[in-house]
Amino acid sequence: MLNNFHPITNEAAIDVASNLSFADRRECVEGYGQENVMDIVMSALVAPNTQYWKAPNGKSAAIGGVQEGGKIWMLCTDTVREYPRQFARDSLRMTNSRPEKFLWNVVDERNGTHLKLLRFLGFKFLRKVPFGPKQLPFIEFCKIQWQTTQPHQQV
């Protein structure tokens, strides 16, 4: 377990998918064509490395993970807005703990909450691209991670 992140469970996937924030639900439907809650649940359960974030009030508030090739993703409920600092700090720890050197994906340009979080997590926004069945404007983002094996030494 990394802070409040835990390996995905059926219950957590159903809780989050059934209670997505408006922006995340819209992104699933209009960006990915996933209208059925159970499609979202199944996608989360079969994706490798999926975790859920358990808020301090005990609710499952977000699900996410990193797929092959460093494709990072996350879906949230409105519960994350009750604990924005805790969620952001935990997400930063989780993201920085990943072994992948390159993390990337696209985000709906209308999803202001995720854009703000991605910026806080150190992701860079690359360009707008038409995406999904409705060819909506999404923004490509990425983060290059490296870890030094030795502390920086002055010469």
N, C-alpha and C. Protein backbone atom coordinates (compact mmCIF):
# COMPACT_ATOMS: atom_id res chain seq x y z
N MET A 1 0.85 -1.19 0.00
CA MET A 1 0.00 0.00 0.00
C MET A 1 0.88 1.24 0.00
N LEU A 2 0.53 2.20 -0.81
CA LEU A 2 1.25 3.46 -0.85
C LEU A 2 0.30 4.54 -0.36
N ASN A 3 0.46 4.95 0.89
CA ASN A 3 -0.43 5.93 1.51
C ASN A 3 -1.85 5.41 1.47
N ASN A 4 -2.72 6.09 0.77
CA ASN A 4 -4.12 5.68 0.72
C ASN A 4 -4.47 4.96 -0.59
N PHE A 5 -3.46 4.56 -1.35
CA PHE A 5 -3.70 3.77 -2.56
C PHE A 5 -3.62 2.29 -2.21
N HIS A 6 -4.55 1.51 -2.77
CA HIS A 6 -4.65 0.09 -2.50
C HIS A 6 -4.88 -0.66 -3.82
N PRO A 7 -4.53 -1.94 -3.87
CA PRO A 7 -4.85 -2.73 -5.07
C PRO A 7 -6.36 -2.73 -5.30
N ILE A 8 -6.77 -2.66 -6.55
CA ILE A 8 -8.19 -2.56 -6.90
C ILE A 8 -8.98 -3.76 -6.38
N THR A 9 -10.20 -3.50 -5.97
CA THR A 9 -11.14 -4.55 -5.57
C THR A 9 -12.40 -4.37 -6.41
N ASN A 10 -13.22 -5.42 -6.50
CA ASN A 10 -14.49 -5.31 -7.21
C ASN A 10 -15.34 -4.19 -6.62
N GLU A 11 -15.42 -4.17 -5.30
CA GLU A 11 -16.23 -3.16 -4.61
C GLU A 11 -15.76 -1.74 -4.93
N ALA A 12 -14.46 -1.50 -4.88
CA ALA A 12 -13.93 -0.16 -5.14
C ALA A 12 -14.19 0.24 -6.59
N ALA A 13 -14.00 -0.68 -7.54
CA ALA A 13 -14.24 -0.36 -8.94
C ALA A 13 -15.70 0.01 -9.17
N ILE A 14 -16.61 -0.74 -8.57
CA ILE A 14 -18.05 -0.45 -8.73
C ILE A 14 -18.40 0.87 -8.05
N ASP A 15 -17.88 1.11 -6.84
CA ASP A 15 -18.17 2.36 -6.12
C ASP A 15 -17.74 3.57 -6.93
N VAL A 16 -16.52 3.54 -7.43
CA VAL A 16 -16.01 4.70 -8.17
C VAL A 16 -16.74 4.86 -9.50
N ALA A 17 -16.87 3.78 -10.27
CA ALA A 17 -17.52 3.87 -11.58
C ALA A 17 -18.98 4.32 -11.46
N SER A 18 -19.62 3.97 -10.38
CA SER A 18 -21.04 4.35 -10.18
C SER A 18 -21.20 5.78 -9.69
N ASN A 19 -20.11 6.39 -9.24
CA ASN A 19 -20.19 7.74 -8.65
C ASN A 19 -19.18 8.70 -9.25
N LEU A 20 -18.86 8.54 -10.53
CA LEU A 20 -17.88 9.41 -11.17
C LEU A 20 -18.29 10.88 -11.11
N SER A 21 -17.30 11.74 -11.03
CA SER A 21 -17.58 13.18 -11.12
C SER A 21 -18.18 13.45 -12.50
N PHE A 22 -18.85 14.58 -12.63
CA PHE A 22 -19.47 14.93 -13.92
C PHE A 22 -18.43 14.95 -15.03
N ALA A 23 -17.29 15.57 -14.78
CA ALA A 23 -16.25 15.70 -15.82
C ALA A 23 -15.69 14.34 -16.22
N ASP A 24 -15.48 13.45 -15.25
CA ASP A 24 -14.93 12.13 -15.57
C ASP A 24 -15.96 11.27 -16.30
N ARG A 25 -17.21 11.36 -15.89
CA ARG A 25 -18.28 10.61 -16.59
C ARG A 25 -18.38 11.09 -18.04
N ARG A 26 -18.35 12.41 -18.23
CA ARG A 26 -18.41 12.98 -19.58
C ARG A 26 -17.22 12.52 -20.41
N GLU A 27 -16.04 12.47 -19.81
CA GLU A 27 -14.85 12.02 -20.53
C GLU A 27 -14.99 10.55 -20.95
N CYS A 28 -15.54 9.72 -20.07
CA CYS A 28 -15.76 8.30 -20.41
C CYS A 28 -16.74 8.15 -21.57
N VAL A 29 -17.85 8.88 -21.49
CA VAL A 29 -18.90 8.74 -22.50
C VAL A 29 -18.49 9.39 -23.82
N GLU A 30 -18.10 10.65 -23.78
CA GLU A 30 -17.83 11.39 -25.01
C GLU A 30 -16.44 11.15 -25.57
N GLY A 31 -15.49 10.83 -24.71
CA GLY A 31 -14.12 10.63 -25.18
C GLY A 31 -13.80 9.19 -25.52
N TYR A 32 -14.39 8.25 -24.77
CA TYR A 32 -14.06 6.84 -24.95
C TYR A 32 -15.24 5.99 -25.39
N GLY A 33 -16.43 6.58 -25.41
CA GLY A 33 -17.61 5.83 -25.82
C GLY A 33 -18.08 4.81 -24.79
N GLN A 34 -17.66 4.94 -23.54
CA GLN A 34 -18.07 4.02 -22.49
C GLN A 34 -19.22 4.63 -21.70
N GLU A 35 -20.44 4.20 -22.02
CA GLU A 35 -21.62 4.73 -21.34
C GLU A 35 -22.08 3.85 -20.20
N ASN A 36 -21.80 2.56 -20.29
CA ASN A 36 -22.25 1.60 -19.29
C ASN A 36 -21.26 1.56 -18.13
N VAL A 37 -21.77 1.70 -16.92
CA VAL A 37 -20.92 1.69 -15.73
C VAL A 37 -20.14 0.38 -15.65
N MET A 38 -20.75 -0.73 -15.99
CA MET A 38 -20.06 -2.02 -15.89
C MET A 38 -18.91 -2.12 -16.89
N ASP A 39 -18.99 -1.43 -18.03
CA ASP A 39 -17.84 -1.40 -18.96
C ASP A 39 -16.65 -0.72 -18.30
N ILE A 40 -16.91 0.35 -17.56
CA ILE A 40 -15.85 1.07 -16.86
C ILE A 40 -15.26 0.18 -15.77
N VAL A 41 -16.15 -0.50 -15.03
CA VAL A 41 -15.70 -1.40 -13.97
C VAL A 41 -14.80 -2.50 -14.54
N MET A 42 -15.26 -3.14 -15.61
CA MET A 42 -14.48 -4.24 -16.20
C MET A 42 -13.15 -3.74 -16.73
N SER A 43 -13.14 -2.56 -17.35
CA SER A 43 -11.88 -2.00 -17.86
C SER A 43 -10.89 -1.79 -16.71
N ALA A 44 -11.39 -1.32 -15.58
CA ALA A 44 -10.52 -1.08 -14.42
C ALA A 44 -10.01 -2.39 -13.84
N LEU A 45 -10.86 -3.39 -13.79
CA LEU A 45 -10.47 -4.65 -13.17
C LEU A 45 -9.47 -5.44 -14.01
N VAL A 46 -9.55 -5.32 -15.33
CA VAL A 46 -8.63 -6.10 -16.17
C VAL A 46 -7.34 -5.34 -16.49
N ALA A 47 -7.33 -4.05 -16.27
CA ALA A 47 -6.10 -3.27 -16.53
C ALA A 47 -5.04 -3.65 -15.51
N PRO A 48 -3.79 -3.79 -15.96
CA PRO A 48 -2.72 -4.14 -15.01
C PRO A 48 -2.43 -2.97 -14.06
N ASN A 49 -2.01 -3.30 -12.86
CA ASN A 49 -1.54 -2.31 -11.89
C ASN A 49 -2.61 -1.32 -11.43
N THR A 50 -3.89 -1.66 -11.54
CA THR A 50 -4.94 -0.73 -11.12
C THR A 50 -4.99 -0.65 -9.60
N GLN A 51 -5.13 0.58 -9.12
CA GLN A 51 -5.25 0.85 -7.69
C GLN A 51 -6.46 1.74 -7.45
N TYR A 52 -6.89 1.79 -6.21
CA TYR A 52 -7.92 2.76 -5.85
C TYR A 52 -7.44 3.59 -4.69
N TRP A 53 -7.97 4.83 -4.63
CA TRP A 53 -7.62 5.74 -3.55
C TRP A 53 -8.76 5.76 -2.57
N LYS A 54 -8.44 5.45 -1.32
CA LYS A 54 -9.43 5.45 -0.26
C LYS A 54 -9.30 6.75 0.51
N ALA A 55 -10.35 7.55 0.48
CA ALA A 55 -10.35 8.85 1.14
C ALA A 55 -10.34 8.67 2.66
N PRO A 56 -9.94 9.70 3.40
CA PRO A 56 -9.94 9.62 4.87
C PRO A 56 -11.31 9.27 5.46
N ASN A 57 -12.39 9.55 4.74
CA ASN A 57 -13.73 9.20 5.25
C ASN A 57 -14.09 7.74 4.97
N GLY A 58 -13.15 6.98 4.36
CA GLY A 58 -13.38 5.56 4.10
C GLY A 58 -13.97 5.24 2.75
N LYS A 59 -14.35 6.26 1.98
CA LYS A 59 -14.95 6.01 0.68
C LYS A 59 -13.88 5.76 -0.39
N SER A 60 -14.22 4.88 -1.33
CA SER A 60 -13.38 4.69 -2.52
C SER A 60 -13.63 5.89 -3.41
N ALA A 61 -12.58 6.69 -3.68
CA ALA A 61 -12.78 7.98 -4.33
C ALA A 61 -12.15 8.10 -5.71
N ALA A 62 -11.23 7.20 -6.06
CA ALA A 62 -10.58 7.28 -7.37
C ALA A 62 -10.00 5.91 -7.72
N ILE A 63 -9.94 5.63 -9.02
CA ILE A 63 -9.27 4.43 -9.51
C ILE A 63 -8.30 4.87 -10.60
N GLY A 64 -7.21 4.15 -10.73
CA GLY A 64 -6.26 4.50 -11.77
C GLY A 64 -5.13 3.51 -11.82
N GLY A 65 -4.26 3.73 -12.77
CA GLY A 65 -3.12 2.84 -12.91
C GLY A 65 -2.23 3.25 -14.06
N VAL A 66 -1.26 2.40 -14.33
CA VAL A 66 -0.34 2.61 -15.44
C VAL A 66 -0.34 1.34 -16.27
N GLN A 67 -0.70 1.48 -17.53
CA GLN A 67 -0.71 0.33 -18.43
C GLN A 67 0.63 0.20 -19.14
N GLU A 68 0.74 -0.86 -19.94
CA GLU A 68 1.97 -1.10 -20.68
C GLU A 68 2.35 0.13 -21.50
N GLY A 69 3.62 0.42 -21.54
CA GLY A 69 4.11 1.57 -22.29
C GLY A 69 4.00 2.88 -21.53
N GLY A 70 3.62 2.83 -20.23
CA GLY A 70 3.56 4.04 -19.42
C GLY A 70 2.29 4.85 -19.56
N LYS A 71 1.23 4.25 -20.10
CA LYS A 71 -0.04 4.98 -20.26
C LYS A 71 -0.75 5.06 -18.90
N ILE A 72 -0.72 6.25 -18.32
CA ILE A 72 -1.27 6.48 -16.99
C ILE A 72 -2.72 6.96 -17.12
N TRP A 73 -3.58 6.53 -16.20
CA TRP A 73 -4.99 6.93 -16.26
C TRP A 73 -5.58 7.01 -14.85
N MET A 74 -6.67 7.76 -14.73
CA MET A 74 -7.34 7.90 -13.45
C MET A 74 -8.77 8.37 -13.67
N LEU A 75 -9.67 7.86 -12.86
CA LEU A 75 -11.06 8.31 -12.82
C LEU A 75 -11.40 8.63 -11.37
N CYS A 76 -12.15 9.71 -11.15
CA CYS A 76 -12.41 10.18 -9.78
C CYS A 76 -13.88 10.42 -9.53
N THR A 77 -14.24 10.35 -8.26
CA THR A 77 -15.55 10.79 -7.80
C THR A 77 -15.40 12.19 -7.22
N ASP A 78 -16.51 12.80 -6.85
CA ASP A 78 -16.44 14.14 -6.24
C ASP A 78 -15.84 14.10 -4.83
N THR A 79 -15.69 12.92 -4.26
CA THR A 79 -15.10 12.80 -2.92
C THR A 79 -13.68 13.36 -2.89
N VAL A 80 -12.94 13.28 -4.00
CA VAL A 80 -11.57 13.82 -4.00
C VAL A 80 -11.58 15.32 -3.73
N ARG A 81 -12.68 16.00 -4.05
CA ARG A 81 -12.76 17.45 -3.80
C ARG A 81 -12.89 17.78 -2.31
N GLU A 82 -13.29 16.78 -1.52
CA GLU A 82 -13.37 16.97 -0.08
C GLU A 82 -11.99 16.92 0.57
N TYR A 83 -11.03 16.28 -0.12
CA TYR A 83 -9.67 16.10 0.40
C TYR A 83 -8.65 16.43 -0.68
N PRO A 84 -8.70 17.63 -1.25
CA PRO A 84 -7.85 17.91 -2.42
C PRO A 84 -6.35 17.84 -2.12
N ARG A 85 -5.92 18.34 -1.00
CA ARG A 85 -4.48 18.31 -0.69
C ARG A 85 -3.98 16.89 -0.44
N GLN A 86 -4.75 16.14 0.33
CA GLN A 86 -4.38 14.75 0.62
C GLN A 86 -4.33 13.94 -0.66
N PHE A 87 -5.34 14.11 -1.52
CA PHE A 87 -5.39 13.37 -2.78
C PHE A 87 -4.21 13.75 -3.67
N ALA A 88 -3.93 15.04 -3.76
CA ALA A 88 -2.81 15.49 -4.61
C ALA A 88 -1.48 14.97 -4.08
N ARG A 89 -1.25 15.05 -2.77
CA ARG A 89 0.01 14.55 -2.19
C ARG A 89 0.16 13.04 -2.40
N ASP A 90 -0.91 12.30 -2.14
CA ASP A 90 -0.86 10.85 -2.32
C ASP A 90 -0.63 10.50 -3.79
N SER A 91 -1.28 11.24 -4.68
CA SER A 91 -1.10 10.99 -6.12
C SER A 91 0.33 11.29 -6.56
N LEU A 92 0.92 12.31 -6.00
CA LEU A 92 2.31 12.64 -6.31
C LEU A 92 3.25 11.52 -5.84
N ARG A 93 3.04 11.03 -4.64
CA ARG A 93 3.86 9.92 -4.13
C ARG A 93 3.69 8.69 -5.00
N MET A 94 2.45 8.39 -5.38
CA MET A 94 2.19 7.22 -6.21
C MET A 94 2.85 7.37 -7.58
N THR A 95 2.69 8.52 -8.20
CA THR A 95 3.26 8.76 -9.52
C THR A 95 4.79 8.69 -9.47
N ASN A 96 5.38 9.32 -8.48
CA ASN A 96 6.84 9.33 -8.36
C ASN A 96 7.42 7.96 -8.00
N SER A 97 6.60 7.08 -7.46
CA SER A 97 7.08 5.74 -7.11
C SER A 97 7.07 4.78 -8.29
N ARG A 98 6.47 5.19 -9.39
CA ARG A 98 6.36 4.30 -10.55
C ARG A 98 7.74 4.06 -11.17
N PRO A 99 8.00 2.83 -11.64
CA PRO A 99 9.31 2.53 -12.23
C PRO A 99 9.44 3.00 -13.69
N GLU A 100 8.31 3.30 -14.34
CA GLU A 100 8.36 3.72 -15.74
C GLU A 100 9.09 5.05 -15.87
N LYS A 101 9.92 5.16 -16.89
CA LYS A 101 10.66 6.40 -17.14
C LYS A 101 9.81 7.43 -17.86
N PHE A 102 8.77 6.96 -18.56
CA PHE A 102 7.95 7.85 -19.38
C PHE A 102 6.48 7.52 -19.12
N LEU A 103 5.72 8.52 -18.64
CA LEU A 103 4.29 8.38 -18.41
C LEU A 103 3.56 9.33 -19.35
N TRP A 104 2.42 8.90 -19.88
CA TRP A 104 1.73 9.70 -20.89
C TRP A 104 0.25 9.31 -20.99
N ASN A 105 -0.53 10.15 -21.63
CA ASN A 105 -1.91 9.86 -22.02
C ASN A 105 -2.50 11.13 -22.62
N VAL A 106 -3.82 11.14 -22.73
CA VAL A 106 -4.55 12.32 -23.17
C VAL A 106 -5.63 12.61 -22.13
N VAL A 107 -6.06 13.86 -22.06
CA VAL A 107 -7.10 14.28 -21.11
C VAL A 107 -8.04 15.23 -21.84
N ASP A 108 -9.32 15.12 -21.53
CA ASP A 108 -10.33 16.03 -22.08
C ASP A 108 -9.97 17.45 -21.65
N GLU A 109 -9.88 18.36 -22.60
CA GLU A 109 -9.49 19.73 -22.25
C GLU A 109 -10.51 20.42 -21.35
N ARG A 110 -11.72 19.88 -21.25
CA ARG A 110 -12.76 20.47 -20.40
C ARG A 110 -12.64 20.01 -18.94
N ASN A 111 -11.80 19.02 -18.67
CA ASN A 111 -11.68 18.46 -17.32
C ASN A 111 -10.65 19.25 -16.51
N GLY A 112 -11.09 20.39 -16.02
CA GLY A 112 -10.22 21.30 -15.29
C GLY A 112 -9.58 20.70 -14.06
N THR A 113 -10.30 19.85 -13.35
CA THR A 113 -9.75 19.22 -12.15
C THR A 113 -8.55 18.36 -12.50
N HIS A 114 -8.67 17.55 -13.55
CA HIS A 114 -7.54 16.70 -13.93
C HIS A 114 -6.39 17.50 -14.50
N LEU A 115 -6.68 18.56 -15.24
CA LEU A 115 -5.60 19.40 -15.77
C LEU A 115 -4.79 20.01 -14.62
N LYS A 116 -5.49 20.49 -13.60
CA LYS A 116 -4.81 21.08 -12.45
C LYS A 116 -3.97 20.03 -11.71
N LEU A 117 -4.53 18.84 -11.53
CA LEU A 117 -3.79 17.77 -10.85
C LEU A 117 -2.57 17.35 -11.67
N LEU A 118 -2.75 17.18 -12.97
CA LEU A 118 -1.62 16.78 -13.82
C LEU A 118 -0.49 17.80 -13.76
N ARG A 119 -0.84 19.07 -13.77
CA ARG A 119 0.17 20.12 -13.66
C ARG A 119 0.91 20.00 -12.33
N PHE A 120 0.17 19.80 -11.24
CA PHE A 120 0.78 19.64 -9.92
C PHE A 120 1.71 18.42 -9.88
N LEU A 121 1.33 17.34 -10.58
CA LEU A 121 2.12 16.11 -10.58
C LEU A 121 3.37 16.20 -11.46
N GLY A 122 3.52 17.32 -12.17
CA GLY A 122 4.72 17.53 -12.98
C GLY A 122 4.61 17.11 -14.43
N PHE A 123 3.39 16.85 -14.90
CA PHE A 123 3.21 16.50 -16.30
C PHE A 123 3.28 17.76 -17.17
N LYS A 124 3.73 17.58 -18.38
CA LYS A 124 3.80 18.66 -19.36
C LYS A 124 2.73 18.43 -20.42
N PHE A 125 2.10 19.51 -20.83
CA PHE A 125 1.07 19.43 -21.86
C PHE A 125 1.71 19.69 -23.22
N LEU A 126 1.44 18.78 -24.15
CA LEU A 126 2.13 18.81 -25.44
C LEU A 126 1.33 19.50 -26.54
N ARG A 127 0.13 18.99 -26.81
CA ARG A 127 -0.66 19.56 -27.90
C ARG A 127 -2.10 19.07 -27.79
N LYS A 128 -2.99 19.79 -28.45
CA LYS A 128 -4.39 19.36 -28.55
C LYS A 128 -4.51 18.40 -29.72
N VAL A 129 -5.30 17.34 -29.50
CA VAL A 129 -5.55 16.37 -30.55
C VAL A 129 -7.04 16.00 -30.55
N PRO A 130 -7.63 15.79 -31.74
CA PRO A 130 -9.00 15.29 -31.78
C PRO A 130 -9.00 13.84 -31.29
N PHE A 131 -9.95 13.48 -30.41
CA PHE A 131 -9.90 12.16 -29.80
C PHE A 131 -11.29 11.59 -29.60
N GLY A 132 -11.39 10.29 -29.70
CA GLY A 132 -12.61 9.57 -29.39
C GLY A 132 -13.65 9.59 -30.47
N PRO A 133 -14.78 8.97 -30.18
CA PRO A 133 -15.84 8.85 -31.20
C PRO A 133 -16.38 10.20 -31.66
N LYS A 134 -16.31 11.21 -30.80
CA LYS A 134 -16.81 12.54 -31.18
C LYS A 134 -15.69 13.48 -31.62
N GLN A 135 -14.45 12.96 -31.66
CA GLN A 135 -13.29 13.74 -32.07
C GLN A 135 -13.20 15.07 -31.31
N LEU A 136 -13.36 14.99 -30.00
CA LEU A 136 -13.30 16.17 -29.13
C LEU A 136 -11.85 16.56 -28.90
N PRO A 137 -11.61 17.83 -28.57
CA PRO A 137 -10.23 18.25 -28.30
C PRO A 137 -9.74 17.71 -26.95
N PHE A 138 -8.74 16.86 -27.01
CA PHE A 138 -8.06 16.34 -25.84
C PHE A 138 -6.64 16.88 -25.86
N ILE A 139 -5.98 16.83 -24.73
CA ILE A 139 -4.61 17.35 -24.63
C ILE A 139 -3.68 16.19 -24.31
N GLU A 140 -2.65 16.02 -25.14
CA GLU A 140 -1.62 15.03 -24.84
C GLU A 140 -0.76 15.56 -23.70
N PHE A 141 -0.39 14.67 -22.79
CA PHE A 141 0.49 15.06 -21.69
C PHE A 141 1.51 13.96 -21.44
N CYS A 142 2.63 14.33 -20.84
CA CYS A 142 3.66 13.34 -20.53
C CYS A 142 4.51 13.82 -19.36
N LYS A 143 5.25 12.85 -18.81
CA LYS A 143 6.20 13.15 -17.75
C LYS A 143 7.37 12.20 -17.92
N ILE A 144 8.55 12.75 -17.96
CA ILE A 144 9.77 11.95 -18.02
C ILE A 144 10.33 11.90 -16.61
N GLN A 145 10.52 10.68 -16.12
CA GLN A 145 11.01 10.50 -14.76
C GLN A 145 12.39 9.89 -14.80
N TRP A 146 13.24 10.35 -13.93
CA TRP A 146 14.52 9.70 -13.77
C TRP A 146 14.90 9.78 -12.30
N GLN A 147 15.64 8.81 -11.89
CA GLN A 147 16.10 8.79 -10.51
C GLN A 147 17.62 8.75 -10.53
N THR A 148 18.21 9.62 -9.74
CA THR A 148 19.67 9.60 -9.67
C THR A 148 20.10 8.55 -8.68
N THR A 149 21.18 7.87 -8.99
CA THR A 149 21.67 6.84 -8.09
C THR A 149 22.62 7.41 -7.05
N GLN A 150 23.17 8.59 -7.36
CA GLN A 150 24.08 9.22 -6.41
C GLN A 150 23.64 10.67 -6.22
N PRO A 151 23.85 11.21 -5.04
CA PRO A 151 23.51 12.61 -4.82
C PRO A 151 24.37 13.51 -5.71
N HIS A 152 23.81 14.64 -6.07
CA HIS A 152 24.54 15.61 -6.91
C HIS A 152 25.77 16.12 -6.16
N GLN A 153 26.90 16.12 -6.83
CA GLN A 153 28.12 16.60 -6.21
C GLN A 153 28.63 17.80 -6.99
N GLN A 154 29.05 18.80 -6.25
CA GLN A 154 29.63 19.98 -6.91
C GLN A 154 31.07 19.66 -7.30
N VAL A 155 31.46 20.18 -8.46
CA VAL A 155 32.83 19.95 -8.95
C VAL A 155 33.69 21.13 -8.61
